[in-house]
Amino acid sequence: MIAKGKVLPGKLLAKELEKKEEVTESGLVLISKNPNPDTLAKVVLVGDKAEKSVSFAEVGKTIIFTPLSAQKVHIDGEEFLLLEQTKILFMYD
């Protein structure tokens, strides 16, 4: 993981969780009909509260967001997602 770093206010850095493939009993892999399914990620770093916005993201929480709202970035050879906290659709432990 990231040893040190800072995210700009109102933003967060997350690590995308692996997507589980749906497989039938006979071994067929089912493909999602939705070209942009919601994505799961674990929050790694949270920026300070941005002016005139709500800051609710917490490090270690799992979030759901639409993939088009995140930007992929590479830090120290690892891939992370950078997005605005307001783009989170749902957050849980």
Protein backbone atom coordinates (compact mmCIF):
# COMPACT_ATOMS: atom_id res chain seq x y z
CA MET A 1 0.00 0.00 0.00
CA ILE A 2 0.92 3.66 0.00
CA ALA A 3 3.41 4.56 2.72
CA LYS A 4 2.71 8.27 2.56
CA GLY A 5 0.83 10.68 0.38
CA LYS A 6 -1.93 13.23 0.36
CA VAL A 7 -5.14 13.50 -1.63
CA LEU A 8 -6.59 16.89 -2.56
CA PRO A 9 -9.62 18.13 -0.61
CA GLY A 10 -12.89 16.47 -1.61
CA LYS A 11 -11.13 13.54 -3.30
CA LEU A 12 -10.28 10.00 -2.24
CA LEU A 13 -7.99 7.21 -3.34
CA ALA A 14 -9.33 3.67 -3.42
CA LYS A 15 -8.20 0.17 -4.39
CA GLU A 16 -10.66 -1.61 -6.68
CA LEU A 17 -11.90 -4.96 -5.37
CA GLU A 18 -11.87 -7.95 -7.70
CA LYS A 19 -15.07 -8.55 -9.61
CA LYS A 20 -16.61 -11.96 -9.17
CA GLU A 21 -17.65 -13.76 -12.33
CA GLU A 22 -21.00 -15.43 -12.39
CA VAL A 23 -20.58 -19.07 -13.42
CA THR A 24 -23.42 -21.52 -14.05
CA GLU A 25 -23.38 -25.09 -12.69
CA SER A 26 -22.23 -26.30 -16.12
CA GLY A 27 -19.26 -23.90 -16.07
CA LEU A 28 -20.49 -21.15 -18.41
CA VAL A 29 -19.30 -17.65 -17.50
CA LEU A 30 -22.19 -15.16 -17.59
CA ILE A 31 -21.48 -11.74 -19.06
CA SER A 32 -23.20 -8.70 -17.55
CA LYS A 33 -25.70 -6.97 -19.83
CA ASN A 34 -24.83 -3.64 -18.21
CA PRO A 35 -21.74 -2.18 -19.93
CA ASN A 36 -20.95 0.01 -16.89
CA PRO A 37 -21.82 -1.95 -13.74
CA ASP A 38 -21.24 -0.29 -10.40
CA THR A 39 -17.78 -0.84 -8.99
CA LEU A 40 -16.60 -1.83 -5.49
CA ALA A 41 -13.43 -0.43 -3.95
CA LYS A 42 -11.74 -0.11 -0.55
CA VAL A 43 -10.88 3.47 0.54
CA VAL A 44 -7.11 3.94 1.03
CA LEU A 45 -6.69 7.72 1.50
CA VAL A 46 -9.21 10.50 2.07
CA GLY A 47 -8.60 14.18 1.32
CA ASP A 48 -9.59 16.96 3.68
CA LYS A 49 -13.11 18.33 3.55
CA ALA A 50 -13.54 20.58 0.53
CA GLU A 51 -15.07 24.00 1.00
CA LYS A 52 -18.90 23.89 0.75
CA SER A 53 -19.01 20.08 0.60
CA VAL A 54 -19.70 17.11 2.84
CA SER A 55 -16.84 14.78 3.81
CA PHE A 56 -18.04 11.35 4.88
CA ALA A 57 -15.61 8.83 3.38
CA GLU A 58 -13.48 6.82 5.82
CA VAL A 59 -10.29 4.83 5.25
CA GLY A 60 -10.96 1.09 5.21
CA LYS A 61 -14.63 1.37 4.19
CA THR A 62 -15.93 -0.32 1.04
CA ILE A 63 -17.60 2.01 -1.45
CA ILE A 64 -19.83 1.56 -4.49
CA PHE A 65 -19.59 4.05 -7.37
CA THR A 66 -20.05 4.16 -11.12
CA PRO A 67 -16.83 3.34 -13.01
CA LEU A 68 -17.05 6.46 -15.18
CA SER A 69 -16.68 8.66 -12.08
CA ALA A 70 -13.19 7.37 -11.22
CA GLN A 71 -9.80 7.89 -12.80
CA LYS A 72 -7.23 5.07 -12.72
CA VAL A 73 -3.81 6.12 -11.42
CA HIS A 74 -0.60 4.15 -10.89
CA ILE A 75 1.43 4.75 -7.73
CA ASP A 76 4.53 2.69 -6.90
CA GLY A 77 3.50 0.05 -9.47
CA GLU A 78 -0.01 -0.39 -8.03
CA GLU A 79 -3.27 0.67 -9.65
CA PHE A 80 -5.66 2.87 -7.66
CA LEU A 81 -8.82 4.81 -8.37
CA LEU A 82 -9.05 8.55 -7.75
CA LEU A 83 -12.53 10.04 -7.41
CA GLU A 84 -14.54 12.78 -5.78
CA GLN A 85 -16.21 11.89 -2.48
CA THR A 86 -19.52 13.16 -3.86
CA LYS A 87 -19.47 10.37 -6.50
CA ILE A 88 -19.87 7.63 -3.87
CA LEU A 89 -23.25 5.91 -4.24
CA PHE A 90 -23.03 3.72 -1.12
CA MET A 91 -20.52 3.01 1.66
CA TYR A 92 -20.31 0.14 4.16
CA ASP A 93 -17.85 -1.76 6.39
